[in-house]
């Protein structure tokens, strides 16, 4: 495993915008719907299992495999099939917002120069979906599909947890503990999405995930 790319990718997902905005994390905390750390943790796990994982986790694995083989010409079709055809528009916007920021940040990374050289024109066709950007970049960091998927989901979870910590009384130790508590779910999803016979799971609309919380 190439440590530097892995570390930089895990630290690159923005805390503001993207998925934090898509799932209205700040708003739900502000109105008291998420007032306790355990509520935030359960909400993130639900979003991860039903929406973020089925979109970004599964698609990252597919993009990773194509990128490892150097088959970048397959990425536009993968993006249409996995990121556009079945994903709700709010998730697509969150994915594009997040992916675009990571893609621009990664231009400063020396190890990513060759990937940008090969993919800048391709991403103009695919859109800068988070899974496309992350899956392509992490193909330089690991040879294991499950690890690539897990890293994508872990990066997203960390960004959501650290965003929540800005509005709740959670310190760094509590935030890291929450991330650790969600790790088994990440590992379970990564393993499931990396099986040879895995098929793309159904993707929930973030509005439905939020509605489930607000009706409890």
C-alpha atoms as a PDB file:
ATOM      1  CA  UNK A   1       0.000   0.000   0.000  1.00  0.00           C
ATOM      2  CA  UNK A   2       1.237   3.481  -0.887  1.00  0.00           C
ATOM      3  CA  UNK A   3       0.874   5.398   2.385  1.00  0.00           C
ATOM      4  CA  UNK A   4       1.146   9.031   1.219  1.00  0.00           C
ATOM      5  CA  UNK A   5      -1.680   8.875  -1.366  1.00  0.00           C
ATOM      6  CA  UNK A   6      -3.889   7.023   1.119  1.00  0.00           C
ATOM      7  CA  UNK A   7      -3.311   9.616   3.851  1.00  0.00           C
ATOM      8  CA  UNK A   8      -3.852  12.563   1.533  1.00  0.00           C
ATOM      9  CA  UNK A   9      -7.053  11.080   0.127  1.00  0.00           C
ATOM     10  CA  UNK A  10      -8.461  10.320   3.570  1.00  0.00           C
ATOM     11  CA  UNK A  11      -7.827  13.924   4.596  1.00  0.00           C
ATOM     12  CA  UNK A  12      -9.138  15.506   1.400  1.00  0.00           C
ATOM     13  CA  UNK A  13     -12.930  15.158   1.672  1.00  0.00           C
ATOM     14  CA  UNK A  14     -14.350  18.564   2.655  1.00  0.00           C
ATOM     15  CA  UNK A  15     -16.370  18.914   5.859  1.00  0.00           C
ATOM     16  CA  UNK A  16     -18.601  21.639   4.399  1.00  0.00           C
ATOM     17  CA  UNK A  17     -20.789  21.243   1.333  1.00  0.00           C
ATOM     18  CA  UNK A  18     -21.104  17.912  -0.416  1.00  0.00           C
ATOM     19  CA  UNK A  19     -22.665  15.256   1.781  1.00  0.00           C
ATOM     20  CA  UNK A  20     -22.905  17.347   4.937  1.00  0.00           C
ATOM     21  CA  UNK A  21     -25.120  19.748   3.010  1.00  0.00           C
ATOM     22  CA  UNK A  22     -26.980  16.991   1.172  1.00  0.00           C
ATOM     23  CA  UNK A  23     -28.045  15.387   4.451  1.00  0.00           C
ATOM     24  CA  UNK A  24     -28.690  18.782   6.099  1.00  0.00           C
ATOM     25  CA  UNK A  25     -26.402  17.896   8.989  1.00  0.00           C
ATOM     26  CA  UNK A  26     -25.948  21.442  10.283  1.00  0.00           C
ATOM     27  CA  UNK A  27     -29.683  22.179  10.030  1.00  0.00           C
ATOM     28  CA  UNK A  28     -30.727  18.978  11.798  1.00  0.00           C
ATOM     29  CA  UNK A  29     -28.368  19.771  14.663  1.00  0.00           C
ATOM     30  CA  UNK A  30     -29.508  23.407  14.808  1.00  0.00           C
ATOM     31  CA  UNK A  31     -33.201  22.459  15.127  1.00  0.00           C
ATOM     32  CA  UNK A  32     -32.500  19.776  17.724  1.00  0.00           C
ATOM     33  CA  UNK A  33     -33.246  16.724  15.590  1.00  0.00           C
ATOM     34  CA  UNK A  34     -29.671  15.583  16.177  1.00  0.00           C
ATOM     35  CA  UNK A  35     -28.780  16.791  19.640  1.00  0.00           C
ATOM     36  CA  UNK A  36     -26.731  13.862  20.948  1.00  0.00           C
ATOM     37  CA  UNK A  37     -23.610  12.166  19.641  1.00  0.00           C
ATOM     38  CA  UNK A  38     -25.293   8.756  19.460  1.00  0.00           C
ATOM     39  CA  UNK A  39     -28.086  10.244  17.340  1.00  0.00           C
ATOM     40  CA  UNK A  40     -25.519  11.649  14.920  1.00  0.00           C
ATOM     41  CA  UNK A  41     -23.731   8.304  14.765  1.00  0.00           C
ATOM     42  CA  UNK A  42     -26.933   6.382  14.034  1.00  0.00           C
ATOM     43  CA  UNK A  43     -27.948   8.912  11.381  1.00  0.00           C
ATOM     44  CA  UNK A  44     -24.584   8.688   9.621  1.00  0.00           C
ATOM     45  CA  UNK A  45     -24.717   4.882   9.678  1.00  0.00           C
ATOM     46  CA  UNK A  46     -28.208   4.952   8.153  1.00  0.00           C
ATOM     47  CA  UNK A  47     -27.090   7.374   5.434  1.00  0.00           C
ATOM     48  CA  UNK A  48     -23.997   5.253   4.807  1.00  0.00           C
ATOM     49  CA  UNK A  49     -25.926   1.996   4.447  1.00  0.00           C
ATOM     50  CA  UNK A  50     -28.809   3.273   2.343  1.00  0.00           C
ATOM     51  CA  UNK A  51     -27.438   6.109   0.206  1.00  0.00           C
ATOM     52  CA  UNK A  52     -23.740   6.985   0.378  1.00  0.00           C
ATOM     53  CA  UNK A  53     -22.493   3.407   0.380  1.00  0.00           C
ATOM     54  CA  UNK A  54     -24.716   2.129  -2.436  1.00  0.00           C
ATOM     55  CA  UNK A  55     -23.678   5.064  -4.616  1.00  0.00           C
ATOM     56  CA  UNK A  56     -20.109   6.026  -3.784  1.00  0.00           C
ATOM     57  CA  UNK A  57     -18.872   2.766  -2.285  1.00  0.00           C
ATOM     58  CA  UNK A  58     -20.057   0.534  -5.076  1.00  0.00           C
ATOM     59  CA  UNK A  59     -19.068   2.940  -7.854  1.00  0.00           C
ATOM     60  CA  UNK A  60     -15.632   3.565  -6.336  1.00  0.00           C
ATOM     61  CA  UNK A  61     -14.922  -0.157  -6.514  1.00  0.00           C
ATOM     62  CA  UNK A  62     -15.874  -0.323 -10.183  1.00  0.00           C
ATOM     63  CA  UNK A  63     -13.817   2.774 -11.079  1.00  0.00           C
ATOM     64  CA  UNK A  64     -10.883   1.443  -9.063  1.00  0.00           C
ATOM     65  CA  UNK A  65     -10.879  -1.839 -11.013  1.00  0.00           C
ATOM     66  CA  UNK A  66     -11.013  -0.075 -14.375  1.00  0.00           C
ATOM     67  CA  UNK A  67      -8.261   2.344 -13.344  1.00  0.00           C
ATOM     68  CA  UNK A  68      -5.967  -0.430 -12.085  1.00  0.00           C
ATOM     69  CA  UNK A  69      -6.246  -2.017 -15.530  1.00  0.00           C
ATOM     70  CA  UNK A  70      -5.615   1.307 -17.258  1.00  0.00           C
ATOM     71  CA  UNK A  71      -9.059   1.057 -18.832  1.00  0.00           C
ATOM     72  CA  UNK A  72      -9.934   4.725 -18.411  1.00  0.00           C
ATOM     73  CA  UNK A  73     -12.114   4.690 -21.511  1.00  0.00           C
ATOM     74  CA  UNK A  74     -14.632   2.628 -19.517  1.00  0.00           C
ATOM     75  CA  UNK A  75     -15.176   5.370 -16.936  1.00  0.00           C
ATOM     76  CA  UNK A  76     -17.820   7.448 -18.790  1.00  0.00           C
ATOM     77  CA  UNK A  77     -20.064   4.383 -19.123  1.00  0.00           C
ATOM     78  CA  UNK A  78     -19.493   3.447 -15.478  1.00  0.00           C
ATOM     79  CA  UNK A  79     -20.380   6.983 -14.378  1.00  0.00           C
ATOM     80  CA  UNK A  80     -23.585   6.925 -16.436  1.00  0.00           C
ATOM     81  CA  UNK A  81     -24.590   3.505 -15.125  1.00  0.00           C
ATOM     82  CA  UNK A  82     -23.651   3.873 -11.452  1.00  0.00           C
ATOM     83  CA  UNK A  83     -23.644   7.608 -10.691  1.00  0.00           C
ATOM     84  CA  UNK A  84     -26.325   9.026 -12.965  1.00  0.00           C
ATOM     85  CA  UNK A  85     -28.932   6.439 -13.946  1.00  0.00           C
ATOM     86  CA  UNK A  86     -30.212   5.483 -10.501  1.00  0.00           C
ATOM     87  CA  UNK A  87     -28.911   8.131  -8.087  1.00  0.00           C
ATOM     88  CA  UNK A  88     -31.276  10.874  -6.841  1.00  0.00           C
ATOM     89  CA  UNK A  89     -30.342  14.339  -8.069  1.00  0.00           C
ATOM     90  CA  UNK A  90     -29.445  15.555  -4.573  1.00  0.00           C
ATOM     91  CA  UNK A  91     -26.900  12.747  -4.231  1.00  0.00           C
ATOM     92  CA  UNK A  92     -25.508  13.486  -7.679  1.00  0.00           C
ATOM     93  CA  UNK A  93     -25.000  17.134  -6.716  1.00  0.00           C
ATOM     94  CA  UNK A  94     -23.298  16.144  -3.459  1.00  0.00           C
ATOM     95  CA  UNK A  95     -21.056  13.694  -5.295  1.00  0.00           C
ATOM     96  CA  UNK A  96     -20.083  16.230  -7.949  1.00  0.00           C
ATOM     97  CA  UNK A  97     -19.453  18.942  -5.354  1.00  0.00           C
ATOM     98  CA  UNK A  98     -17.218  16.665  -3.285  1.00  0.00           C
ATOM     99  CA  UNK A  99     -15.432  15.112  -6.232  1.00  0.00           C
ATOM    100  CA  UNK A 100     -14.678  18.442  -7.863  1.00  0.00           C
ATOM    101  CA  UNK A 101     -13.029  19.756  -4.709  1.00  0.00           C
ATOM    102  CA  UNK A 102     -10.884  16.635  -4.304  1.00  0.00           C
ATOM    103  CA  UNK A 103      -9.902  16.660  -7.984  1.00  0.00           C
ATOM    104  CA  UNK A 104      -8.671  20.241  -7.751  1.00  0.00           C
ATOM    105  CA  UNK A 105      -6.907  19.624  -4.426  1.00  0.00           C
ATOM    106  CA  UNK A 106      -5.132  16.592  -5.878  1.00  0.00           C
ATOM    107  CA  UNK A 107      -3.518  18.714  -8.591  1.00  0.00           C
ATOM    108  CA  UNK A 108      -0.987  19.768  -5.934  1.00  0.00           C
ATOM    109  CA  UNK A 109       0.046  16.173  -5.216  1.00  0.00           C
ATOM    110  CA  UNK A 110       3.150  15.088  -7.117  1.00  0.00           C
ATOM    111  CA  UNK A 111       2.122  11.431  -7.256  1.00  0.00           C
ATOM    112  CA  UNK A 112      -1.240  12.346  -8.856  1.00  0.00           C
ATOM    113  CA  UNK A 113       0.203  14.230 -11.847  1.00  0.00           C
ATOM    114  CA  UNK A 114       0.197  11.196 -14.141  1.00  0.00           C
ATOM    115  CA  UNK A 115      -3.397  10.359 -13.185  1.00  0.00           C
ATOM    116  CA  UNK A 116      -4.508  13.889 -14.048  1.00  0.00           C
ATOM    117  CA  UNK A 117      -2.655  13.668 -17.352  1.00  0.00           C
ATOM    118  CA  UNK A 118      -4.663  10.571 -18.219  1.00  0.00           C
ATOM    119  CA  UNK A 119      -7.999  11.560 -16.758  1.00  0.00           C
ATOM    120  CA  UNK A 120      -8.520  15.298 -17.178  1.00  0.00           C
ATOM    121  CA  UNK A 121     -10.226  14.792 -20.534  1.00  0.00           C
ATOM    122  CA  UNK A 122     -12.127  11.730 -19.303  1.00  0.00           C
ATOM    123  CA  UNK A 123     -13.571  13.523 -16.280  1.00  0.00           C
ATOM    124  CA  UNK A 124     -14.900  16.208 -18.595  1.00  0.00           C
ATOM    125  CA  UNK A 125     -17.100  13.427 -20.009  1.00  0.00           C
ATOM    126  CA  UNK A 126     -17.939  11.670 -16.740  1.00  0.00           C
ATOM    127  CA  UNK A 127     -18.333  14.693 -14.510  1.00  0.00           C
ATOM    128  CA  UNK A 128     -16.232  14.916 -11.370  1.00  0.00           C
ATOM    129  CA  UNK A 129     -18.280  12.425  -9.410  1.00  0.00           C
ATOM    130  CA  UNK A 130     -16.718  11.589  -6.066  1.00  0.00           C
ATOM    131  CA  UNK A 131     -16.512   7.881  -6.920  1.00  0.00           C
ATOM    132  CA  UNK A 132     -14.820   8.595 -10.261  1.00  0.00           C
ATOM    133  CA  UNK A 133     -12.252  10.922  -8.714  1.00  0.00           C
ATOM    134  CA  UNK A 134     -11.612   8.863  -5.586  1.00  0.00           C
ATOM    135  CA  UNK A 135     -11.641   5.512  -7.385  1.00  0.00           C
ATOM    136  CA  UNK A 136      -9.130   6.681  -9.974  1.00  0.00           C
ATOM    137  CA  UNK A 137      -6.812   8.369  -7.479  1.00  0.00           C
ATOM    138  CA  UNK A 138      -6.806   5.540  -4.966  1.00  0.00           C
ATOM    139  CA  UNK A 139      -5.884   3.044  -7.670  1.00  0.00           C
ATOM    140  CA  UNK A 140      -2.358   4.396  -7.160  1.00  0.00           C
ATOM    141  CA  UNK A 141      -2.488   3.737  -3.403  1.00  0.00           C
ATOM    142  CA  UNK A 142      -3.609   0.107  -3.058  1.00  0.00           C
ATOM    143  CA  UNK A 143      -4.113  -3.052  -5.074  1.00  0.00           C
ATOM    144  CA  UNK A 144      -7.122  -4.215  -3.034  1.00  0.00           C
ATOM    145  CA  UNK A 145     -10.627  -3.281  -4.124  1.00  0.00           C
ATOM    146  CA  UNK A 146     -12.119  -3.692  -0.636  1.00  0.00           C
ATOM    147  CA  UNK A 147      -9.497  -1.374   0.827  1.00  0.00           C
ATOM    148  CA  UNK A 148     -10.204   1.226  -1.867  1.00  0.00           C
ATOM    149  CA  UNK A 149     -13.945   1.119  -1.159  1.00  0.00           C
ATOM    150  CA  UNK A 150     -13.362   1.264   2.597  1.00  0.00           C
ATOM    151  CA  UNK A 151     -11.099   4.289   2.211  1.00  0.00           C
ATOM    152  CA  UNK A 152     -13.758   6.121   0.193  1.00  0.00           C
ATOM    153  CA  UNK A 153     -16.452   5.444   2.789  1.00  0.00           C
ATOM    154  CA  UNK A 154     -14.113   6.215   5.693  1.00  0.00           C
ATOM    155  CA  UNK A 155     -13.189   9.558   4.168  1.00  0.00           C
ATOM    156  CA  UNK A 156     -16.861  10.465   3.814  1.00  0.00           C
ATOM    157  CA  UNK A 157     -17.698   9.368   7.350  1.00  0.00           C
ATOM    158  CA  UNK A 158     -14.822  11.379   8.777  1.00  0.00           C
ATOM    159  CA  UNK A 159     -15.980  14.504   6.966  1.00  0.00           C
ATOM    160  CA  UNK A 160     -19.525  14.093   8.317  1.00  0.00           C
ATOM    161  CA  UNK A 161     -18.373  13.389  11.867  1.00  0.00           C
ATOM    162  CA  UNK A 162     -15.965  16.320  11.941  1.00  0.00           C
ATOM    163  CA  UNK A 163     -18.658  18.578  10.481  1.00  0.00           C
ATOM    164  CA  UNK A 164     -21.059  17.516  13.242  1.00  0.00           C
ATOM    165  CA  UNK A 165     -18.375  18.130  15.861  1.00  0.00           C
ATOM    166  CA  UNK A 166     -18.337  21.810  14.913  1.00  0.00           C
ATOM    167  CA  UNK A 167     -21.930  22.166  16.125  1.00  0.00           C
ATOM    168  CA  UNK A 168     -22.124  19.631  18.962  1.00  0.00           C
ATOM    169  CA  UNK A 169     -20.131  19.443  22.194  1.00  0.00           C
ATOM    170  CA  UNK A 170     -17.738  16.828  20.801  1.00  0.00           C
ATOM    171  CA  UNK A 171     -13.969  17.053  21.170  1.00  0.00           C
ATOM    172  CA  UNK A 172     -11.362  15.409  18.937  1.00  0.00           C
ATOM    173  CA  UNK A 173     -11.226  12.225  21.022  1.00  0.00           C
ATOM    174  CA  UNK A 174     -15.019  11.807  20.900  1.00  0.00           C
ATOM    175  CA  UNK A 175     -15.030  12.441  17.162  1.00  0.00           C
ATOM    176  CA  UNK A 176     -12.355   9.823  16.543  1.00  0.00           C
ATOM    177  CA  UNK A 177     -14.248   7.369  18.767  1.00  0.00           C
ATOM    178  CA  UNK A 178     -17.376   7.886  16.672  1.00  0.00           C
ATOM    179  CA  UNK A 179     -15.436   7.230  13.480  1.00  0.00           C
ATOM    180  CA  UNK A 180     -14.041   4.051  15.061  1.00  0.00           C
ATOM    181  CA  UNK A 181     -17.525   2.952  16.091  1.00  0.00           C
ATOM    182  CA  UNK A 182     -18.723   3.310  12.484  1.00  0.00           C
ATOM    183  CA  UNK A 183     -15.692   1.438  11.106  1.00  0.00           C
ATOM    184  CA  UNK A 184     -17.294  -2.056  11.323  1.00  0.00           C
ATOM    185  CA  UNK A 185     -20.150  -0.843   9.112  1.00  0.00           C
ATOM    186  CA  UNK A 186     -17.626   0.550   6.629  1.00  0.00           C
ATOM    187  CA  UNK A 187     -15.727  -2.754   6.550  1.00  0.00           C
ATOM    188  CA  UNK A 188     -18.936  -4.736   6.094  1.00  0.00           C
ATOM    189  CA  UNK A 189     -20.066  -2.605   3.150  1.00  0.00           C
ATOM    190  CA  UNK A 190     -16.611  -2.599   1.543  1.00  0.00           C
ATOM    191  CA  UNK A 191     -16.449  -6.379   1.676  1.00  0.00           C
ATOM    192  CA  UNK A 192     -19.964  -6.779   0.280  1.00  0.00           C
ATOM    193  CA  UNK A 193     -19.348  -4.366  -2.597  1.00  0.00           C
ATOM    194  CA  UNK A 194     -16.054  -6.052  -3.503  1.00  0.00           C
ATOM    195  CA  UNK A 195     -17.413  -9.548  -4.070  1.00  0.00           C
ATOM    196  CA  UNK A 196     -17.030 -10.817  -7.658  1.00  0.00           C
ATOM    197  CA  UNK A 197     -20.808 -11.286  -7.985  1.00  0.00           C
ATOM    198  CA  UNK A 198     -21.788  -8.002  -6.314  1.00  0.00           C
ATOM    199  CA  UNK A 199     -24.514  -5.991  -8.033  1.00  0.00           C
ATOM    200  CA  UNK A 200     -25.281  -2.323  -7.552  1.00  0.00           C
ATOM    201  CA  UNK A 201     -27.630  -1.964  -4.552  1.00  0.00           C
ATOM    202  CA  UNK A 202     -30.676   0.341  -4.536  1.00  0.00           C
ATOM    203  CA  UNK A 203     -29.920   3.940  -3.530  1.00  0.00           C
ATOM    204  CA  UNK A 204     -32.180   5.802  -1.102  1.00  0.00           C
ATOM    205  CA  UNK A 205     -33.032   9.461  -1.530  1.00  0.00           C
ATOM    206  CA  UNK A 206     -31.454  11.604   1.220  1.00  0.00           C
ATOM    207  CA  UNK A 207     -34.880  13.187   1.777  1.00  0.00           C
ATOM    208  CA  UNK A 208     -36.213   9.763   2.784  1.00  0.00           C
ATOM    209  CA  UNK A 209     -33.325   9.202   5.187  1.00  0.00           C
ATOM    210  CA  UNK A 210     -33.964  12.607   6.763  1.00  0.00           C
ATOM    211  CA  UNK A 211     -37.721  12.024   6.899  1.00  0.00           C
ATOM    212  CA  UNK A 212     -37.171   8.765   8.748  1.00  0.00           C
ATOM    213  CA  UNK A 213     -35.220  10.680  11.375  1.00  0.00           C
ATOM    214  CA  UNK A 214     -37.719  13.510  11.735  1.00  0.00           C
ATOM    215  CA  UNK A 215     -40.691  11.163  12.163  1.00  0.00           C
ATOM    216  CA  UNK A 216     -39.113   9.187  14.982  1.00  0.00           C
END
